[in-house]
N, C-alpha and C. Protein backbone atom coordinates (compact mmCIF):
# COMPACT_ATOMS: atom_id res chain seq x y z
N SER A 1 34.37 295.86 139.76
CA SER A 1 33.94 297.24 139.87
C SER A 1 32.67 297.44 139.06
N LYS A 2 31.74 298.15 139.64
CA LYS A 2 30.47 298.40 138.96
C LYS A 2 30.52 299.66 138.12
N GLY A 3 31.70 300.28 138.03
CA GLY A 3 31.79 301.52 137.26
C GLY A 3 30.99 302.63 137.91
N TRP A 4 30.44 303.50 137.09
CA TRP A 4 29.71 304.66 137.59
C TRP A 4 28.27 304.34 137.96
N ILE A 5 27.80 303.16 137.55
CA ILE A 5 26.41 302.81 137.83
C ILE A 5 26.22 302.56 139.31
N LEU A 6 25.16 303.09 139.86
CA LEU A 6 24.80 302.88 141.26
C LEU A 6 25.84 303.39 142.25
N THR A 7 26.50 304.47 141.92
CA THR A 7 27.44 305.03 142.89
C THR A 7 26.68 305.72 144.00
N ASP A 8 27.17 305.54 145.22
CA ASP A 8 26.52 306.19 146.36
C ASP A 8 27.48 307.16 147.02
N PHE A 9 28.34 307.75 146.20
CA PHE A 9 29.26 308.79 146.65
C PHE A 9 29.28 309.87 145.57
N LYS A 10 29.80 311.03 145.93
CA LYS A 10 29.81 312.16 145.01
C LYS A 10 31.08 312.17 144.18
N SER A 11 30.96 312.56 142.93
CA SER A 11 32.11 312.78 142.06
C SER A 11 32.20 314.27 141.79
N ILE A 12 33.45 314.78 141.78
CA ILE A 12 33.68 316.20 141.56
C ILE A 12 34.73 316.39 140.47
N THR A 13 34.74 317.56 139.88
CA THR A 13 35.72 317.86 138.85
C THR A 13 37.06 318.19 139.51
N PRO A 14 38.15 318.11 138.78
CA PRO A 14 39.44 318.52 139.35
C PRO A 14 39.42 319.96 139.87
N LYS A 15 38.76 320.87 139.17
CA LYS A 15 38.72 322.25 139.65
C LYS A 15 37.94 322.37 140.95
N GLU A 16 36.88 321.60 141.10
CA GLU A 16 36.13 321.59 142.37
C GLU A 16 37.02 321.03 143.49
N ALA A 17 37.78 319.97 143.17
CA ALA A 17 38.68 319.37 144.16
C ALA A 17 39.74 320.38 144.59
N TYR A 18 40.33 321.06 143.63
CA TYR A 18 41.38 322.04 143.92
C TYR A 18 40.82 323.17 144.79
N ALA A 19 39.62 323.63 144.47
CA ALA A 19 38.99 324.69 145.26
C ALA A 19 38.76 324.23 146.70
N LEU A 20 38.34 322.99 146.88
CA LEU A 20 38.14 322.45 148.23
C LEU A 20 39.46 322.39 149.00
N ILE A 21 40.51 321.94 148.34
CA ILE A 21 41.83 321.85 148.98
C ILE A 21 42.27 323.23 149.42
N LYS A 22 42.07 324.23 148.58
CA LYS A 22 42.52 325.59 148.87
C LYS A 22 41.59 326.33 149.83
N SER A 23 40.39 325.79 150.09
CA SER A 23 39.39 326.49 150.91
C SER A 23 39.76 326.57 152.39
N GLY A 24 40.66 325.72 152.83
CA GLY A 24 40.99 325.69 154.26
C GLY A 24 40.09 324.76 155.05
N GLU A 25 39.05 324.24 154.40
CA GLU A 25 38.18 323.27 155.05
C GLU A 25 39.00 322.01 155.34
N PRO A 26 38.78 321.37 156.50
CA PRO A 26 39.53 320.14 156.77
C PRO A 26 39.16 319.06 155.74
N ILE A 27 40.13 318.69 154.96
CA ILE A 27 39.89 317.72 153.89
C ILE A 27 41.15 316.90 153.69
N ALA A 28 40.98 315.63 153.37
CA ALA A 28 42.12 314.76 153.09
C ALA A 28 42.16 314.47 151.59
N VAL A 29 43.34 314.15 151.09
CA VAL A 29 43.50 313.81 149.67
C VAL A 29 44.15 312.44 149.62
N LEU A 30 43.50 311.51 148.93
CA LEU A 30 43.96 310.13 148.85
C LEU A 30 44.28 309.74 147.41
N ASP A 31 45.52 309.35 147.18
CA ASP A 31 45.98 308.87 145.88
C ASP A 31 45.96 307.35 145.93
N VAL A 32 45.22 306.71 145.03
CA VAL A 32 45.08 305.24 145.06
C VAL A 32 45.82 304.58 143.90
N ARG A 33 46.81 305.30 143.33
CA ARG A 33 47.62 304.74 142.26
C ARG A 33 48.77 303.92 142.85
N THR A 34 49.70 303.52 142.01
CA THR A 34 50.85 302.74 142.46
C THR A 34 51.92 303.68 143.04
N PRO A 35 52.84 303.13 143.84
CA PRO A 35 53.94 303.96 144.35
C PRO A 35 54.76 304.61 143.23
N ASP A 36 54.99 303.89 142.13
CA ASP A 36 55.74 304.46 141.00
C ASP A 36 55.02 305.67 140.41
N GLU A 37 53.71 305.55 140.22
CA GLU A 37 52.94 306.67 139.67
C GLU A 37 53.00 307.87 140.63
N PHE A 38 52.87 307.58 141.92
CA PHE A 38 52.88 308.63 142.94
C PHE A 38 54.22 309.37 142.94
N THR A 39 55.32 308.62 142.83
CA THR A 39 56.65 309.21 142.84
C THR A 39 56.85 310.17 141.67
N GLN A 40 56.27 309.84 140.52
CA GLN A 40 56.42 310.70 139.34
C GLN A 40 55.75 312.05 139.55
N GLU A 41 54.52 312.03 140.07
CA GLU A 41 53.77 313.26 140.33
C GLU A 41 52.52 312.91 141.11
N HIS A 42 52.09 313.87 141.94
CA HIS A 42 50.88 313.68 142.74
C HIS A 42 50.36 315.05 143.18
N ILE A 43 49.16 315.04 143.72
CA ILE A 43 48.58 316.26 144.25
C ILE A 43 49.26 316.52 145.60
N ASP A 44 49.71 317.75 145.79
CA ASP A 44 50.44 318.10 147.00
C ASP A 44 49.62 317.75 148.25
N GLY A 45 50.26 317.08 149.19
CA GLY A 45 49.61 316.72 150.44
C GLY A 45 48.86 315.40 150.40
N ALA A 46 48.87 314.73 149.26
CA ALA A 46 48.12 313.47 149.13
C ALA A 46 48.77 312.35 149.94
N ILE A 47 47.91 311.47 150.44
CA ILE A 47 48.32 310.24 151.12
C ILE A 47 48.25 309.14 150.07
N LEU A 48 49.28 308.32 149.98
CA LEU A 48 49.28 307.22 149.01
C LEU A 48 48.86 305.92 149.69
N ILE A 49 47.78 305.34 149.20
CA ILE A 49 47.39 303.97 149.55
C ILE A 49 46.84 303.35 148.27
N PRO A 50 47.63 302.50 147.59
CA PRO A 50 47.14 301.89 146.35
C PRO A 50 45.81 301.17 146.58
N VAL A 51 44.93 301.26 145.60
CA VAL A 51 43.58 300.69 145.74
C VAL A 51 43.62 299.21 146.11
N GLN A 52 44.64 298.48 145.62
CA GLN A 52 44.73 297.05 145.90
C GLN A 52 44.95 296.77 147.39
N THR A 53 45.50 297.74 148.11
CA THR A 53 45.80 297.54 149.53
C THR A 53 44.93 298.38 150.45
N LEU A 54 44.01 299.15 149.87
CA LEU A 54 43.22 300.10 150.65
C LEU A 54 42.43 299.45 151.77
N GLU A 55 41.71 298.40 151.45
CA GLU A 55 40.83 297.79 152.46
C GLU A 55 41.61 297.33 153.70
N ASN A 56 42.84 296.87 153.49
CA ASN A 56 43.66 296.40 154.61
C ASN A 56 44.43 297.52 155.30
N ASN A 57 44.35 298.73 154.77
CA ASN A 57 45.12 299.85 155.32
C ASN A 57 44.26 301.04 155.72
N LEU A 58 42.99 300.82 155.99
CA LEU A 58 42.10 301.92 156.37
C LEU A 58 42.54 302.59 157.66
N ALA A 59 43.26 301.87 158.51
CA ALA A 59 43.75 302.46 159.76
C ALA A 59 44.67 303.65 159.49
N LEU A 60 45.34 303.65 158.32
CA LEU A 60 46.24 304.74 157.97
C LEU A 60 45.51 306.07 157.78
N ILE A 61 44.21 306.00 157.51
CA ILE A 61 43.43 307.22 157.31
C ILE A 61 42.29 307.36 158.33
N ALA A 62 42.34 306.55 159.37
CA ALA A 62 41.28 306.59 160.39
C ALA A 62 41.12 307.98 161.00
N GLN A 63 42.23 308.72 161.13
CA GLN A 63 42.18 310.04 161.75
C GLN A 63 41.42 311.06 160.91
N VAL A 64 41.15 310.76 159.63
CA VAL A 64 40.40 311.69 158.78
C VAL A 64 39.01 311.15 158.43
N LYS A 65 38.55 310.18 159.20
CA LYS A 65 37.26 309.56 158.89
C LYS A 65 36.10 310.56 158.95
N ASN A 66 36.23 311.59 159.79
CA ASN A 66 35.16 312.58 159.91
C ASN A 66 35.30 313.72 158.90
N GLN A 67 36.28 313.63 158.00
CA GLN A 67 36.47 314.65 156.97
C GLN A 67 36.07 314.09 155.60
N LYS A 68 35.85 314.99 154.66
CA LYS A 68 35.69 314.56 153.28
C LYS A 68 37.07 314.12 152.78
N ILE A 69 37.09 313.11 151.91
CA ILE A 69 38.34 312.62 151.36
C ILE A 69 38.27 312.70 149.84
N ILE A 70 39.13 313.52 149.26
CA ILE A 70 39.24 313.61 147.80
C ILE A 70 40.03 312.39 147.35
N VAL A 71 39.45 311.57 146.47
CA VAL A 71 40.08 310.34 146.02
C VAL A 71 40.37 310.44 144.52
N TYR A 72 41.62 310.12 144.15
CA TYR A 72 41.95 310.16 142.72
C TYR A 72 42.91 309.05 142.34
N CYS A 73 42.91 308.76 141.04
CA CYS A 73 43.85 307.79 140.45
C CYS A 73 44.33 308.43 139.14
N HIS A 74 44.66 307.61 138.16
CA HIS A 74 45.13 308.19 136.89
C HIS A 74 43.97 308.75 136.07
N SER A 75 42.92 307.93 135.86
CA SER A 75 41.85 308.36 134.96
C SER A 75 40.46 308.37 135.59
N GLY A 76 40.34 307.88 136.81
CA GLY A 76 39.04 307.89 137.48
C GLY A 76 38.42 306.53 137.68
N ASN A 77 39.05 305.46 137.21
CA ASN A 77 38.47 304.12 137.37
C ASN A 77 38.82 303.50 138.73
N ARG A 78 40.10 303.49 139.07
CA ARG A 78 40.51 302.92 140.36
C ARG A 78 39.92 303.72 141.53
N SER A 79 39.77 305.02 141.32
CA SER A 79 39.21 305.84 142.40
C SER A 79 37.75 305.53 142.66
N VAL A 80 37.02 305.07 141.64
CA VAL A 80 35.63 304.63 141.85
C VAL A 80 35.64 303.40 142.76
N SER A 81 36.52 302.44 142.47
CA SER A 81 36.62 301.25 143.32
C SER A 81 37.01 301.63 144.74
N ALA A 82 37.98 302.52 144.86
CA ALA A 82 38.43 302.97 146.18
C ALA A 82 37.31 303.70 146.92
N SER A 83 36.56 304.52 146.22
CA SER A 83 35.46 305.26 146.85
C SER A 83 34.40 304.30 147.37
N ARG A 84 34.15 303.21 146.64
CA ARG A 84 33.20 302.19 147.12
C ARG A 84 33.69 301.58 148.43
N ILE A 85 34.97 301.26 148.50
CA ILE A 85 35.54 300.70 149.73
C ILE A 85 35.40 301.69 150.88
N LEU A 86 35.70 302.95 150.61
CA LEU A 86 35.62 303.97 151.65
C LEU A 86 34.19 304.16 152.15
N ILE A 87 33.24 304.26 151.24
CA ILE A 87 31.84 304.49 151.65
C ILE A 87 31.33 303.31 152.47
N GLU A 88 31.74 302.09 152.11
CA GLU A 88 31.32 300.90 152.86
C GLU A 88 31.90 300.87 154.27
N ASN A 89 32.97 301.65 154.49
CA ASN A 89 33.62 301.67 155.79
C ASN A 89 33.42 302.98 156.54
N GLY A 90 32.40 303.74 156.14
CA GLY A 90 31.99 304.92 156.88
C GLY A 90 32.73 306.21 156.57
N PHE A 91 33.51 306.23 155.48
CA PHE A 91 34.20 307.44 155.08
C PHE A 91 33.33 308.25 154.11
N THR A 92 33.73 309.49 153.83
CA THR A 92 33.00 310.35 152.89
C THR A 92 33.91 310.70 151.71
N PRO A 93 33.96 309.81 150.71
CA PRO A 93 34.83 310.07 149.56
C PRO A 93 34.21 311.03 148.55
N LEU A 94 35.09 311.79 147.90
CA LEU A 94 34.72 312.64 146.76
C LEU A 94 35.63 312.20 145.62
N ASN A 95 35.07 311.48 144.67
CA ASN A 95 35.85 310.94 143.56
C ASN A 95 36.15 312.04 142.53
N VAL A 96 37.43 312.13 142.13
CA VAL A 96 37.82 313.13 141.13
C VAL A 96 37.59 312.56 139.73
N LYS A 97 36.64 313.16 139.00
CA LYS A 97 36.34 312.73 137.63
C LYS A 97 37.55 312.94 136.74
N GLY A 98 37.95 311.90 136.01
CA GLY A 98 39.06 312.02 135.08
C GLY A 98 40.43 311.87 135.72
N GLY A 99 40.46 311.76 137.05
CA GLY A 99 41.71 311.51 137.76
C GLY A 99 42.77 312.58 137.54
N ILE A 100 44.02 312.16 137.78
CA ILE A 100 45.13 313.10 137.66
C ILE A 100 45.36 313.51 136.20
N ALA A 101 44.95 312.67 135.27
CA ALA A 101 45.07 313.04 133.85
C ALA A 101 44.25 314.29 133.55
N GLU A 102 43.03 314.33 134.05
CA GLU A 102 42.17 315.50 133.85
C GLU A 102 42.67 316.68 134.68
N TRP A 103 43.18 316.41 135.87
CA TRP A 103 43.77 317.44 136.73
C TRP A 103 44.87 318.18 135.95
N LYS A 104 45.77 317.39 135.31
CA LYS A 104 46.86 317.98 134.52
C LYS A 104 46.31 318.73 133.31
N ALA A 105 45.32 318.14 132.64
CA ALA A 105 44.75 318.77 131.45
C ALA A 105 44.17 320.14 131.77
N GLN A 106 43.70 320.32 133.00
CA GLN A 106 43.13 321.60 133.42
C GLN A 106 44.20 322.54 133.97
N GLY A 107 45.46 322.12 133.92
CA GLY A 107 46.56 322.99 134.32
C GLY A 107 46.70 323.22 135.82
N LEU A 108 46.18 322.29 136.60
CA LEU A 108 46.26 322.44 138.06
C LEU A 108 47.63 321.95 138.55
N PRO A 109 48.11 322.50 139.68
CA PRO A 109 49.48 322.19 140.12
C PRO A 109 49.64 320.80 140.70
N LEU A 110 50.85 320.25 140.52
CA LEU A 110 51.21 318.94 141.04
C LEU A 110 52.55 319.02 141.76
N ALA A 111 52.74 318.12 142.70
CA ALA A 111 54.03 317.98 143.39
C ALA A 111 54.77 316.81 142.77
N GLN A 112 56.10 316.82 142.92
CA GLN A 112 56.89 315.71 142.39
C GLN A 112 57.80 315.16 143.47
């Protein structure tokens, strides 16, 4: 992973992500954490595809290829890697800065 250097996708704050989800605009939410992490808590409506399996499972999100995809993990590192995979395959990822940890810190709602 190249980290934040040379990113060719947009990163947004958790509050910006939440506002987009609530806006009614067609948008997908992708959780790239592990199944165990997802089971504990996740953003409501999120699709789970762990980053390690994302490249081989892009067909699972092919129907949202023309939409923006909010991508998150725990702290924002795995989602950068996932966003790189998505951008290379023609998707439009929006990486959530700080991941679900920052989402929780800002008091935004989660599903369990």
